[in-house]
């Protein structure tokens, strides 16, 4: 059996599992970059770029698929713990489950990314459904994304750790 906590543990060594997604997939003009680099003494995955709301756009995302085709079972955990560094802006975590069938649907939670490494805990019970009526089903967590969204700004957010916590 796979240890679900370990699937998310070491962001610094799983950079190849993450992908950059931008609003360009729907005609937007936001432009970003995903890199693996040392920041303030830690290896991290870093999302940088400019979020533009022009042409009906407005997001940059670093995303990772979880588990096999059916996703992973996170039902034994209370939430996500992130180790983040940023530029003081507010970012989102977007979760997708087997119930999410449209690109605009997700379960969302916002967080601030300060300019020093900070550990943030996000309880699953605080995630809000976005354009979906199904409740968050933690038995089928399929994808996670760190998202710069909703306004024009320069994004700069880094992730050195991502864990499930009990």
Protein backbone atom coordinates (compact mmCIF):
# COMPACT_ATOMS: atom_id res chain seq x y z
CA UNK A 1 0.00 0.00 0.00
CA UNK A 2 1.23 3.50 -0.86
CA UNK A 3 1.93 5.92 1.95
CA UNK A 4 -0.25 8.87 0.89
CA UNK A 5 1.65 11.31 3.09
CA UNK A 6 4.87 10.51 1.25
CA UNK A 7 3.27 11.19 -2.13
CA UNK A 8 3.27 14.86 -1.19
CA UNK A 9 6.33 14.97 1.07
CA UNK A 10 9.37 15.98 -0.90
CA UNK A 11 8.50 18.70 -3.39
CA UNK A 12 12.16 19.49 -3.96
CA UNK A 13 12.83 16.02 -5.40
CA UNK A 14 9.60 15.58 -7.39
CA UNK A 15 9.75 18.64 -9.61
CA UNK A 16 9.21 16.49 -12.72
CA UNK A 17 5.77 15.54 -11.40
CA UNK A 18 4.61 19.18 -11.51
CA UNK A 19 3.45 21.11 -14.57
CA UNK A 20 2.88 24.75 -15.41
CA UNK A 21 -0.65 25.57 -16.58
CA UNK A 22 -1.73 29.05 -17.63
CA UNK A 23 -4.85 30.75 -18.91
CA UNK A 24 -3.33 30.46 -22.39
CA UNK A 25 -5.15 27.11 -22.64
CA UNK A 26 -8.35 29.18 -22.94
CA UNK A 27 -7.02 32.18 -24.87
CA UNK A 28 -5.62 34.24 -21.98
CA UNK A 29 -2.24 35.96 -22.05
CA UNK A 30 -0.77 35.28 -18.60
CA UNK A 31 2.85 34.17 -18.87
CA UNK A 32 4.77 32.14 -16.31
CA UNK A 33 7.68 29.89 -15.53
CA UNK A 34 8.11 26.89 -13.25
CA UNK A 35 11.60 26.31 -11.88
CA UNK A 36 13.47 24.22 -9.33
CA UNK A 37 15.91 26.30 -7.35
CA UNK A 38 17.47 27.11 -3.98
CA UNK A 39 15.73 29.94 -2.13
CA UNK A 40 16.78 31.14 1.31
CA UNK A 41 18.64 27.88 1.95
CA UNK A 42 15.95 25.45 0.72
CA UNK A 43 15.34 23.65 -2.55
CA UNK A 44 11.93 24.58 -3.84
CA UNK A 45 9.54 24.55 -6.73
CA UNK A 46 8.94 28.17 -7.80
CA UNK A 47 6.14 29.67 -9.88
CA UNK A 48 6.87 33.11 -11.31
CA UNK A 49 5.25 35.22 -13.97
CA UNK A 50 2.65 37.81 -14.78
CA UNK A 51 -1.06 37.12 -14.31
CA UNK A 52 -3.13 39.11 -16.78
CA UNK A 53 -6.91 39.44 -16.85
CA UNK A 54 -6.84 40.50 -20.51
CA UNK A 55 -8.64 38.34 -23.05
CA UNK A 56 -10.75 36.67 -20.30
CA UNK A 57 -7.65 35.28 -18.60
CA UNK A 58 -6.38 35.51 -15.09
CA UNK A 59 -4.31 32.58 -13.79
CA UNK A 60 -0.99 30.76 -13.56
CA UNK A 61 -0.80 27.37 -11.85
CA UNK A 62 1.71 24.74 -10.82
CA UNK A 63 -0.20 21.47 -10.69
CA UNK A 64 0.44 17.83 -9.92
CA UNK A 65 -1.66 14.73 -10.52
CA UNK A 66 -1.95 12.48 -7.47
CA UNK A 67 -1.94 8.71 -7.21
CA UNK A 68 -3.14 6.41 -9.94
CA UNK A 69 -6.04 7.12 -12.30
CA UNK A 70 -8.55 7.00 -9.42
CA UNK A 71 -6.52 9.43 -7.33
CA UNK A 72 -5.36 9.01 -3.77
CA UNK A 73 -7.23 8.47 -0.54
CA UNK A 74 -6.64 11.41 1.81
CA UNK A 75 -9.67 10.68 3.98
CA UNK A 76 -7.54 9.77 7.01
CA UNK A 77 -6.06 13.27 7.14
CA UNK A 78 -7.31 16.64 8.41
CA UNK A 79 -5.67 18.87 5.84
CA UNK A 80 -2.64 20.07 3.92
CA UNK A 81 0.51 21.61 5.33
CA UNK A 82 2.55 23.82 3.01
CA UNK A 83 5.99 25.33 3.36
CA UNK A 84 5.80 28.47 1.23
CA UNK A 85 7.75 31.58 0.33
CA UNK A 86 6.44 34.38 -1.80
CA UNK A 87 6.03 38.04 -2.52
CA UNK A 88 3.27 38.81 -0.01
CA UNK A 89 0.45 38.11 -2.46
CA UNK A 90 -2.52 35.82 -1.90
CA UNK A 91 -2.56 32.50 -3.77
CA UNK A 92 -4.94 29.54 -3.90
CA UNK A 93 -4.74 25.80 -3.49
CA UNK A 94 -7.11 24.05 -5.90
CA UNK A 95 -8.07 20.42 -5.35
CA UNK A 96 -9.70 18.16 -7.92
CA UNK A 97 -11.45 14.86 -7.21
CA UNK A 98 -13.25 12.27 -9.33
CA UNK A 99 -16.34 14.48 -9.08
CA UNK A 100 -14.63 17.43 -10.81
CA UNK A 101 -15.44 17.06 -14.51
CA UNK A 102 -15.01 20.62 -15.85
CA UNK A 103 -11.78 22.69 -15.98
CA UNK A 104 -13.36 25.57 -14.01
CA UNK A 105 -14.47 23.36 -11.10
CA UNK A 106 -12.37 22.81 -7.97
CA UNK A 107 -12.26 23.01 -4.19
CA UNK A 108 -10.35 26.12 -3.15
CA UNK A 109 -8.52 27.63 -0.22
CA UNK A 110 -6.55 30.90 -0.22
CA UNK A 111 -3.31 31.61 1.59
CA UNK A 112 -0.80 34.45 1.83
CA UNK A 113 2.78 33.75 0.78
CA UNK A 114 5.09 35.97 2.87
CA UNK A 115 8.70 36.80 1.96
CA UNK A 116 10.15 34.36 4.52
CA UNK A 117 9.61 30.58 4.62
CA UNK A 118 6.33 29.93 6.43
CA UNK A 119 4.43 26.76 7.30
CA UNK A 120 0.71 27.00 6.66
CA UNK A 121 -1.96 24.45 7.61
CA UNK A 122 -5.13 24.33 5.51
CA UNK A 123 -7.88 22.10 6.96
CA UNK A 124 -9.87 20.21 4.32
CA UNK A 125 -13.08 21.41 5.99
CA UNK A 126 -12.21 25.01 5.01
CA UNK A 127 -11.92 24.32 1.27
CA UNK A 128 -14.76 25.94 -0.68
CA UNK A 129 -16.41 24.26 -3.67
CA UNK A 130 -16.09 26.40 -6.81
CA UNK A 131 -18.74 25.86 -9.49
CA UNK A 132 -19.46 22.36 -8.21
CA UNK A 133 -22.20 21.11 -5.87
CA UNK A 134 -20.63 17.79 -4.80
CA UNK A 135 -18.95 17.80 -1.39
CA UNK A 136 -15.17 17.36 -1.25
CA UNK A 137 -14.54 13.58 -1.48
CA UNK A 138 -11.13 12.99 0.08
CA UNK A 139 -11.16 9.35 -1.01
CA UNK A 140 -10.57 10.40 -4.60
CA UNK A 141 -8.11 13.30 -4.55
CA UNK A 142 -6.77 13.44 -8.12
CA UNK A 143 -4.92 16.74 -8.54
CA UNK A 144 -3.52 19.63 -6.55
CA UNK A 145 -2.58 23.06 -7.82
CA UNK A 146 -0.94 26.17 -6.40
CA UNK A 147 -2.61 29.02 -8.28
CA UNK A 148 -2.00 32.72 -8.86
CA UNK A 149 -5.48 33.87 -9.86
CA UNK A 150 -8.13 36.52 -10.16
CA UNK A 151 -6.29 39.81 -10.66
CA UNK A 152 -3.43 41.25 -12.67
CA UNK A 153 -0.20 40.91 -10.67
CA UNK A 154 3.34 39.55 -10.68
CA UNK A 155 3.28 36.06 -9.21
CA UNK A 156 6.20 34.68 -7.23
CA UNK A 157 5.45 31.73 -4.96
CA UNK A 158 7.72 28.86 -3.94
CA UNK A 159 6.90 25.52 -2.33
CA UNK A 160 9.50 23.52 -0.41
CA UNK A 161 7.13 21.12 1.32
CA UNK A 162 3.61 19.81 0.93
CA UNK A 163 2.26 17.29 3.42
CA UNK A 164 -0.98 15.74 4.57
CA UNK A 165 -1.49 16.12 8.32
CA UNK A 166 -3.70 14.25 10.78
